[in-house]
PDB file of N, CA and C in Angstrom:
ATOM      1  N   UNK A   1      70.533  31.031-184.789  1.00  0.00           N
ATOM      2  CA  UNK A   1      69.755  29.865-184.695  1.00  0.00           C
ATOM      3  C   UNK A   1      70.738  28.936-183.848  1.00  0.00           C
ATOM      4  N   UNK A   2      70.090  28.254-182.914  1.00  0.00           N
ATOM      5  CA  UNK A   2      70.846  27.208-182.072  1.00  0.00           C
ATOM      6  C   UNK A   2      70.974  25.847-182.821  1.00  0.00           C
ATOM      7  N   UNK A   3      72.429  25.563-182.955  1.00  0.00           N
ATOM      8  CA  UNK A   3      72.635  24.275-183.768  1.00  0.00           C
ATOM      9  C   UNK A   3      73.019  23.198-182.905  1.00  0.00           C
ATOM     10  N   UNK A   4      73.715  23.538-181.656  1.00  0.00           N
ATOM     11  CA  UNK A   4      74.021  22.391-180.696  1.00  0.00           C
ATOM     12  C   UNK A   4      74.096  22.978-179.365  1.00  0.00           C
ATOM     13  N   UNK A   5      73.905  22.113-178.377  1.00  0.00           N
ATOM     14  CA  UNK A   5      74.057  22.512-177.028  1.00  0.00           C
ATOM     15  C   UNK A   5      75.198  21.829-176.326  1.00  0.00           C
ATOM     16  N   UNK A   6      75.710  22.680-175.503  1.00  0.00           N
ATOM     17  CA  UNK A   6      76.972  22.298-174.697  1.00  0.00           C
ATOM     18  C   UNK A   6      76.772  22.308-173.255  1.00  0.00           C
ATOM     19  N   UNK A   7      76.569  21.275-172.449  1.00  0.00           N
ATOM     20  CA  UNK A   7      76.273  21.314-170.919  1.00  0.00           C
ATOM     21  C   UNK A   7      77.443  22.080-170.256  1.00  0.00           C
ATOM     22  N   UNK A   8      77.078  22.752-169.145  1.00  0.00           N
ATOM     23  CA  UNK A   8      77.816  23.505-168.311  1.00  0.00           C
ATOM     24  C   UNK A   8      78.123  22.515-167.079  1.00  0.00           C
ATOM     25  N   UNK A   9      79.260  22.610-166.485  1.00  0.00           N
ATOM     26  CA  UNK A   9      79.471  21.736-165.300  1.00  0.00           C
ATOM     27  C   UNK A   9      78.475  22.001-164.128  1.00  0.00           C
ATOM     28  N   UNK A  10      78.295  23.381-164.030  1.00  0.00           N
ATOM     29  CA  UNK A  10      77.392  23.872-162.842  1.00  0.00           C
ATOM     30  C   UNK A  10      75.990  23.715-163.180  1.00  0.00           C
ATOM     31  N   UNK A  11      75.432  24.597-164.125  1.00  0.00           N
ATOM     32  CA  UNK A  11      73.911  24.656-164.431  1.00  0.00           C
ATOM     33  C   UNK A  11      73.781  25.023-165.954  1.00  0.00           C
ATOM     34  N   UNK A  12      72.835  24.491-166.484  1.00  0.00           N
ATOM     35  CA  UNK A  12      72.352  25.020-167.717  1.00  0.00           C
ATOM     36  C   UNK A  12      73.288  24.547-168.906  1.00  0.00           C
ATOM     37  N   UNK A  13      73.058  25.239-169.987  1.00  0.00           N
ATOM     38  CA  UNK A  13      73.727  24.955-171.310  1.00  0.00           C
ATOM     39  C   UNK A  13      74.324  26.156-171.962  1.00  0.00           C
ATOM     40  N   UNK A  14      75.258  26.203-172.666  1.00  0.00           N
ATOM     41  CA  UNK A  14      75.763  27.110-173.555  1.00  0.00           C
ATOM     42  C   UNK A  14      75.206  26.731-175.042  1.00  0.00           C
ATOM     43  N   UNK A  15      74.535  27.712-175.718  1.00  0.00           N
ATOM     44  CA  UNK A  15      74.026  27.511-177.088  1.00  0.00           C
ATOM     45  C   UNK A  15      75.016  27.702-178.055  1.00  0.00           C
ATOM     46  N   UNK A  16      75.390  26.605-178.981  1.00  0.00           N
ATOM     47  CA  UNK A  16      76.236  26.748-180.005  1.00  0.00           C
ATOM     48  C   UNK A  16      75.364  27.406-181.167  1.00  0.00           C
ATOM     49  N   UNK A  17      75.662  28.546-181.726  1.00  0.00           N
ATOM     50  CA  UNK A  17      74.784  29.103-182.524  1.00  0.00           C
ATOM     51  C   UNK A  17      75.551  29.743-183.904  1.00  0.00           C
ATOM     52  N   UNK A  18      74.740  29.831-184.900  1.00  0.00           N
ATOM     53  CA  UNK A  18      75.178  30.383-186.149  1.00  0.00           C
ATOM     54  C   UNK A  18      74.445  31.718-186.409  1.00  0.00           C
ATOM     55  N   UNK A  19      75.211  32.760-186.671  1.00  0.00           N
ATOM     56  CA  UNK A  19      74.570  34.090-186.921  1.00  0.00           C
ATOM     57  C   UNK A  19      74.102  34.037-188.391  1.00  0.00           C
ATOM     58  N   UNK A  20      72.796  34.019-188.608  1.00  0.00           N
ATOM     59  CA  UNK A  20      72.114  33.882-189.826  1.00  0.00           C
ATOM     60  C   UNK A  20      72.053  35.163-190.614  1.00  0.00           C
ATOM     61  N   UNK A  21      71.885  36.412-189.903  1.00  0.00           N
ATOM     62  CA  UNK A  21      71.899  37.702-190.609  1.00  0.00           C
ATOM     63  C   UNK A  21      72.328  38.682-189.648  1.00  0.00           C
ATOM     64  N   UNK A  22      72.822  39.798-190.237  1.00  0.00           N
ATOM     65  CA  UNK A  22      73.204  40.979-189.426  1.00  0.00           C
ATOM     66  C   UNK A  22      74.293  40.806-188.596  1.00  0.00           C
ATOM     67  N   UNK A  23      74.227  41.263-187.311  1.00  0.00           N
ATOM     68  CA  UNK A  23      75.293  41.192-186.249  1.00  0.00           C
ATOM     69  C   UNK A  23      74.755  41.065-184.935  1.00  0.00           C
ATOM     70  N   UNK A  24      75.401  40.386-184.083  1.00  0.00           N
ATOM     71  CA  UNK A  24      75.051  40.480-182.503  1.00  0.00           C
ATOM     72  C   UNK A  24      76.042  40.910-181.749  1.00  0.00           C
ATOM     73  N   UNK A  25      75.678  41.503-180.710  1.00  0.00           N
ATOM     74  CA  UNK A  25      76.673  42.032-179.684  1.00  0.00           C
ATOM     75  C   UNK A  25      76.101  42.203-178.395  1.00  0.00           C
ATOM     76  N   UNK A  26      77.137  42.189-177.357  1.00  0.00           N
ATOM     77  CA  UNK A  26      76.755  42.411-175.980  1.00  0.00           C
ATOM     78  C   UNK A  26      76.059  43.712-175.844  1.00  0.00           C
ATOM     79  N   UNK A  27      75.048  43.640-174.851  1.00  0.00           N
ATOM     80  CA  UNK A  27      74.277  44.894-174.686  1.00  0.00           C
ATOM     81  C   UNK A  27      72.978  44.874-175.300  1.00  0.00           C
ATOM     82  N   UNK A  28      72.709  43.939-176.227  1.00  0.00           N
ATOM     83  CA  UNK A  28      71.420  43.894-176.817  1.00  0.00           C
ATOM     84  C   UNK A  28      70.566  43.083-175.998  1.00  0.00           C
ATOM     85  N   UNK A  29      69.215  43.364-176.147  1.00  0.00           N
ATOM     86  CA  UNK A  29      68.216  42.469-175.607  1.00  0.00           C
ATOM     87  C   UNK A  29      68.077  41.045-176.539  1.00  0.00           C
ATOM     88  N   UNK A  30      67.886  40.010-175.775  1.00  0.00           N
ATOM     89  CA  UNK A  30      67.837  38.722-176.582  1.00  0.00           C
ATOM     90  C   UNK A  30      66.416  38.214-176.356  1.00  0.00           C
ATOM     91  N   UNK A  31      65.761  37.877-177.436  1.00  0.00           N
ATOM     92  CA  UNK A  31      64.419  37.078-177.468  1.00  0.00           C
ATOM     93  C   UNK A  31      64.780  35.619-177.984  1.00  0.00           C
ATOM     94  N   UNK A  32      64.325  34.711-177.259  1.00  0.00           N
ATOM     95  CA  UNK A  32      64.563  33.325-177.564  1.00  0.00           C
ATOM     96  C   UNK A  32      63.183  32.752-178.111  1.00  0.00           C
ATOM     97  N   UNK A  33      63.136  32.379-179.391  1.00  0.00           N
ATOM     98  CA  UNK A  33      61.722  31.873-179.953  1.00  0.00           C
ATOM     99  C   UNK A  33      61.993  30.417-180.276  1.00  0.00           C
ATOM    100  N   UNK A  34      60.906  29.751-180.055  1.00  0.00           N
ATOM    101  CA  UNK A  34      60.769  28.324-180.269  1.00  0.00           C
ATOM    102  C   UNK A  34      59.502  28.151-181.106  1.00  0.00           C
ATOM    103  N   UNK A  35      59.615  27.909-182.376  1.00  0.00           N
ATOM    104  CA  UNK A  35      58.394  27.971-183.312  1.00  0.00           C
ATOM    105  C   UNK A  35      58.003  29.422-183.423  1.00  0.00           C
ATOM    106  N   UNK A  36      56.698  29.609-183.153  1.00  0.00           N
ATOM    107  CA  UNK A  36      56.222  31.029-183.297  1.00  0.00           C
ATOM    108  C   UNK A  36      56.072  31.521-181.748  1.00  0.00           C
ATOM    109  N   UNK A  37      56.371  30.870-180.820  1.00  0.00           N
ATOM    110  CA  UNK A  37      56.259  31.213-179.351  1.00  0.00           C
ATOM    111  C   UNK A  37      57.680  31.848-178.842  1.00  0.00           C
ATOM    112  N   UNK A  38      57.563  32.995-178.098  1.00  0.00           N
ATOM    113  CA  UNK A  38      58.647  33.454-177.469  1.00  0.00           C
ATOM    114  C   UNK A  38      58.806  32.839-176.024  1.00  0.00           C
ATOM    115  N   UNK A  39      59.767  32.225-175.766  1.00  0.00           N
ATOM    116  CA  UNK A  39      60.123  31.419-174.473  1.00  0.00           C
ATOM    117  C   UNK A  39      60.787  32.142-173.498  1.00  0.00           C
ATOM    118  N   UNK A  40      61.634  33.138-173.971  1.00  0.00           N
ATOM    119  CA  UNK A  40      62.420  34.008-172.948  1.00  0.00           C
ATOM    120  C   UNK A  40      62.837  35.274-173.691  1.00  0.00           C
ATOM    121  N   UNK A  41      62.869  36.302-172.770  1.00  0.00           N
ATOM    122  CA  UNK A  41      63.499  37.629-173.189  1.00  0.00           C
ATOM    123  C   UNK A  41      64.461  38.016-171.954  1.00  0.00           C
ATOM    124  N   UNK A  42      65.607  38.387-172.387  1.00  0.00           N
ATOM    125  CA  UNK A  42      66.648  38.824-171.454  1.00  0.00           C
ATOM    126  C   UNK A  42      67.866  39.352-172.044  1.00  0.00           C
ATOM    127  N   UNK A  43      68.977  39.190-171.252  1.00  0.00           N
ATOM    128  CA  UNK A  43      70.306  39.572-171.833  1.00  0.00           C
ATOM    129  C   UNK A  43      71.391  38.411-171.846  1.00  0.00           C
ATOM    130  N   UNK A  44      72.199  38.470-172.824  1.00  0.00           N
ATOM    131  CA  UNK A  44      73.206  37.667-172.954  1.00  0.00           C
ATOM    132  C   UNK A  44      74.290  37.897-171.907  1.00  0.00           C
ATOM    133  N   UNK A  45      74.723  36.702-171.323  1.00  0.00           N
ATOM    134  CA  UNK A  45      75.781  36.792-170.248  1.00  0.00           C
ATOM    135  C   UNK A  45      77.143  36.760-170.838  1.00  0.00           C
ATOM    136  N   UNK A  46      77.352  35.874-171.949  1.00  0.00           N
ATOM    137  CA  UNK A  46      78.604  35.936-172.571  1.00  0.00           C
ATOM    138  C   UNK A  46      78.386  35.487-174.054  1.00  0.00           C
ATOM    139  N   UNK A  47      79.250  35.885-174.996  1.00  0.00           N
ATOM    140  CA  UNK A  47      79.349  35.535-176.212  1.00  0.00           C
ATOM    141  C   UNK A  47      80.824  34.996-176.512  1.00  0.00           C
ATOM    142  N   UNK A  48      80.930  33.814-176.976  1.00  0.00           N
ATOM    143  CA  UNK A  48      82.272  33.233-177.088  1.00  0.00           C
ATOM    144  C   UNK A  48      82.460  32.757-178.475  1.00  0.00           C
ATOM    145  N   UNK A  49      83.807  33.017-179.047  1.00  0.00           N
ATOM    146  CA  UNK A  49      84.154  32.442-180.246  1.00  0.00           C
ATOM    147  C   UNK A  49      85.305  31.556-179.877  1.00  0.00           C
ATOM    148  N   UNK A  50      85.131  30.197-180.034  1.00  0.00           N
ATOM    149  CA  UNK A  50      85.973  29.225-179.437  1.00  0.00           C
ATOM    150  C   UNK A  50      86.193  29.555-177.976  1.00  0.00           C
ATOM    151  N   UNK A  51      87.353  29.746-177.434  1.00  0.00           N
ATOM    152  CA  UNK A  51      87.397  30.051-176.083  1.00  0.00           C
ATOM    153  C   UNK A  51      87.489  31.441-175.698  1.00  0.00           C
ATOM    154  N   UNK A  52      87.503  32.504-176.624  1.00  0.00           N
ATOM    155  CA  UNK A  52      87.594  33.779-176.369  1.00  0.00           C
ATOM    156  C   UNK A  52      86.342  34.533-176.390  1.00  0.00           C
ATOM    157  N   UNK A  53      86.154  35.174-175.256  1.00  0.00           N
ATOM    158  CA  UNK A  53      84.895  36.169-175.046  1.00  0.00           C
ATOM    159  C   UNK A  53      85.065  37.311-176.061  1.00  0.00           C
ATOM    160  N   UNK A  54      83.905  37.455-176.757  1.00  0.00           N
ATOM    161  CA  UNK A  54      83.886  38.556-177.847  1.00  0.00           C
ATOM    162  C   UNK A  54      82.814  39.493-177.514  1.00  0.00           C
ATOM    163  N   UNK A  55      82.784  40.664-178.115  1.00  0.00           N
ATOM    164  CA  UNK A  55      81.654  41.587-177.890  1.00  0.00           C
ATOM    165  C   UNK A  55      80.670  41.532-179.075  1.00  0.00           C
ATOM    166  N   UNK A  56      81.223  41.095-180.273  1.00  0.00           N
ATOM    167  CA  UNK A  56      80.352  41.183-181.494  1.00  0.00           C
ATOM    168  C   UNK A  56      80.635  39.905-182.467  1.00  0.00           C
ATOM    169  N   UNK A  57      79.657  39.382-182.975  1.00  0.00           N
ATOM    170  CA  UNK A  57      79.788  38.457-184.062  1.00  0.00           C
ATOM    171  C   UNK A  57      79.084  38.790-185.277  1.00  0.00           C
ATOM    172  N   UNK A  58      79.444  38.553-186.538  1.00  0.00           N
ATOM    173  CA  UNK A  58      78.731  38.953-187.737  1.00  0.00           C
ATOM    174  C   UNK A  58      78.204  37.806-188.405  1.00  0.00           C
ATOM    175  N   UNK A  59      77.420  38.046-189.594  1.00  0.00           N
ATOM    176  CA  UNK A  59      76.629  37.101-190.252  1.00  0.00           C
ATOM    177  C   UNK A  59      77.621  35.995-190.772  1.00  0.00           C
ATOM    178  N   UNK A  60      77.173  34.730-190.627  1.00  0.00           N
ATOM    179  CA  UNK A  60      77.964  33.530-191.051  1.00  0.00           C
ATOM    180  C   UNK A  60      78.982  32.997-190.123  1.00  0.00           C
ATOM    181  N   UNK A  61      79.178  33.623-188.977  1.00  0.00           N
ATOM    182  CA  UNK A  61      80.074  33.025-187.846  1.00  0.00           C
ATOM    183  C   UNK A  61      79.256  32.400-186.828  1.00  0.00           C
ATOM    184  N   UNK A  62      79.939  31.413-186.270  1.00  0.00           N
ATOM    185  CA  UNK A  62      79.480  30.588-185.235  1.00  0.00           C
ATOM    186  C   UNK A  62      80.167  31.021-183.842  1.00  0.00           C
ATOM    187  N   UNK A  63      79.202  30.850-182.761  1.00  0.00           N
ATOM    188  CA  UNK A  63      79.694  31.253-181.499  1.00  0.00           C
ATOM    189  C   UNK A  63      78.831  30.491-180.518  1.00  0.00           C
ATOM    190  N   UNK A  64      79.282  30.683-179.244  1.00  0.00           N
ATOM    191  CA  UNK A  64      78.494  30.052-178.018  1.00  0.00           C
ATOM    192  C   UNK A  64      78.017  31.292-177.217  1.00  0.00           C
ATOM    193  N   UNK A  65      76.670  31.072-176.910  1.00  0.00           N
ATOM    194  CA  UNK A  65      75.959  32.127-176.230  1.00  0.00           C
ATOM    195  C   UNK A  65      75.345  31.506-174.889  1.00  0.00           C
ATOM    196  N   UNK A  66      75.604  32.180-173.755  1.00  0.00           N
ATOM    197  CA  UNK A  66      75.101  31.861-172.488  1.00  0.00           C
ATOM    198  C   UNK A  66      74.257  33.113-172.064  1.00  0.00           C
ATOM    199  N   UNK A  67      73.088  32.627-171.643  1.00  0.00           N
ATOM    200  CA  UNK A  67      72.135  33.741-171.214  1.00  0.00           C
ATOM    201  C   UNK A  67      72.017  33.809-169.698  1.00  0.00           C
ATOM    202  N   UNK A  68      71.667  35.064-169.261  1.00  0.00           N
ATOM    203  CA  UNK A  68      71.445  35.310-167.782  1.00  0.00           C
ATOM    204  C   UNK A  68      70.088  34.610-167.536  1.00  0.00           C
ATOM    205  N   UNK A  69      69.947  33.918-166.458  1.00  0.00           N
ATOM    206  CA  UNK A  69      68.695  33.323-166.062  1.00  0.00           C
ATOM    207  C   UNK A  69      68.052  32.452-167.117  1.00  0.00           C
ATOM    208  N   UNK A  70      68.603  31.818-167.951  1.00  0.00           N
ATOM    209  CA  UNK A  70      68.036  30.937-168.962  1.00  0.00           C
ATOM    210  C   UNK A  70      69.037  29.910-169.363  1.00  0.00           C
ATOM    211  N   UNK A  71      68.642  28.606-169.524  1.00  0.00           N
ATOM    212  CA  UNK A  71      69.552  27.587-169.935  1.00  0.00           C
ATOM    213  C   UNK A  71      68.856  26.414-170.504  1.00  0.00           C
ATOM    214  N   UNK A  72      67.430  26.650-170.853  1.00  0.00           N
ATOM    215  CA  UNK A  72      66.648  25.552-171.319  1.00  0.00           C
ATOM    216  C   UNK A  72      66.515  25.711-172.899  1.00  0.00           C
ATOM    217  N   UNK A  73      67.679  25.868-173.547  1.00  0.00           N
ATOM    218  CA  UNK A  73      67.727  25.967-175.015  1.00  0.00           C
ATOM    219  C   UNK A  73      67.336  24.640-175.609  1.00  0.00           C
ATOM    220  N   UNK A  74      66.889  24.639-176.868  1.00  0.00           N
ATOM    221  CA  UNK A  74      66.705  23.369-177.498  1.00  0.00           C
ATOM    222  C   UNK A  74      67.276  23.729-179.036  1.00  0.00           C
ATOM    223  N   UNK A  75      67.775  22.630-179.712  1.00  0.00           N
ATOM    224  CA  UNK A  75      68.389  22.731-181.046  1.00  0.00           C
ATOM    225  C   UNK A  75      67.104  23.319-181.879  1.00  0.00           C
ATOM    226  N   UNK A  76      67.426  24.283-182.712  1.00  0.00           N
ATOM    227  CA  UNK A  76      66.527  24.957-183.575  1.00  0.00           C
ATOM    228  C   UNK A  76      65.840  26.245-183.089  1.00  0.00           C
ATOM    229  N   UNK A  77      66.103  26.518-181.762  1.00  0.00           N
ATOM    230  CA  UNK A  77      65.541  27.725-181.275  1.00  0.00           C
ATOM    231  C   UNK A  77      66.322  28.918-181.965  1.00  0.00           C
ATOM    232  N   UNK A  78      65.545  30.114-182.180  1.00  0.00           N
ATOM    233  CA  UNK A  78      66.060  31.193-182.851  1.00  0.00           C
ATOM    234  C   UNK A  78      66.281  32.313-181.726  1.00  0.00           C
ATOM    235  N   UNK A  79      67.401  32.786-181.798  1.00  0.00           N
ATOM    236  CA  UNK A  79      67.676  34.026-180.861  1.00  0.00           C
ATOM    237  C   UNK A  79      67.583  35.364-181.683  1.00  0.00           C
ATOM    238  N   UNK A  80      66.893  36.249-181.330  1.00  0.00           N
ATOM    239  CA  UNK A  80      66.781  37.483-181.924  1.00  0.00           C
ATOM    240  C   UNK A  80      67.488  38.431-181.015  1.00  0.00           C
ATOM    241  N   UNK A  81      68.550  39.227-181.538  1.00  0.00           N
ATOM    242  CA  UNK A  81      69.172  40.205-180.769  1.00  0.00           C
ATOM    243  C   UNK A  81      68.655  41.574-181.151  1.00  0.00           C
ATOM    244  N   UNK A  82      68.136  42.311-180.212  1.00  0.00           N
ATOM    245  CA  UNK A  82      67.400  43.528-180.511  1.00  0.00           C
ATOM    246  C   UNK A  82      68.176  44.596-179.825  1.00  0.00           C
ATOM    247  N   UNK A  83      68.625  45.659-180.702  1.00  0.00           N
ATOM    248  CA  UNK A  83      69.397  46.679-180.168  1.00  0.00           C
ATOM    249  C   UNK A  83      68.331  47.855-180.061  1.00  0.00           C
ATOM    250  N   UNK A  84      68.306  48.447-178.877  1.00  0.00           N
ATOM    251  CA  UNK A  84      67.403  49.526-178.480  1.00  0.00           C
ATOM    252  C   UNK A  84      68.285  50.806-178.622  1.00  0.00           C
ATOM    253  N   UNK A  85      67.799  51.620-179.468  1.00  0.00           N
ATOM    254  CA  UNK A  85      68.612  52.933-179.652  1.00  0.00           C
ATOM    255  C   UNK A  85      67.731  54.041-179.127  1.00  0.00           C
ATOM    256  N   UNK A  86      68.296  54.890-178.206  1.00  0.00           N
ATOM    257  CA  UNK A  86      67.455  56.053-177.751  1.00  0.00           C
ATOM    258  C   UNK A  86      67.973  57.235-178.517  1.00  0.00           C
ATOM    259  N   UNK A  87      66.976  57.884-179.137  1.00  0.00           N
ATOM    260  CA  UNK A  87      67.139  58.936-179.993  1.00  0.00           C
ATOM    261  C   UNK A  87      66.445  60.201-179.295  1.00  0.00           C
ATOM    262  N   UNK A  88      67.398  61.258-179.081  1.00  0.00           N
ATOM    263  CA  UNK A  88      66.776  62.375-178.349  1.00  0.00           C
ATOM    264  C   UNK A  88      65.699  63.102-179.066  1.00  0.00           C
ATOM    265  N   UNK A  89      64.737  63.590-178.300  1.00  0.00           N
ATOM    266  CA  UNK A  89      63.500  64.269-178.936  1.00  0.00           C
ATOM    267  C   UNK A  89      63.811  65.514-179.384  1.00  0.00           C
ATOM    268  N   UNK A  90      63.273  65.888-180.576  1.00  0.00           N
ATOM    269  CA  UNK A  90      63.510  67.263-181.123  1.00  0.00           C
ATOM    270  C   UNK A  90      62.181  68.075-181.223  1.00  0.00           C
ATOM    271  N   UNK A  91      62.305  69.354-181.135  1.00  0.00           N
ATOM    272  CA  UNK A  91      61.038  70.169-181.241  1.00  0.00           C
ATOM    273  C   UNK A  91      60.995  70.778-182.662  1.00  0.00           C
TER     274      UNK A  91
END
């Protein structure tokens, strides 16, 4: 969930978020929801904890998330991190 927005000097915003459940990590698809509407689907560019770039955050932790090709966050937006796992087909 987006709690606060931090403007970037060049363009867009970093979303200050709280991980409500599960875990988030780089490489997942990200869906940005505003109310019941999906406003963006794409990939996270960076996940930061304070000034450190991290690969994973767990439930209850706060982090900053910057998205590739999206910067129109609003406070209260919900970010769903979706991990797509390929399972080999068996006969």
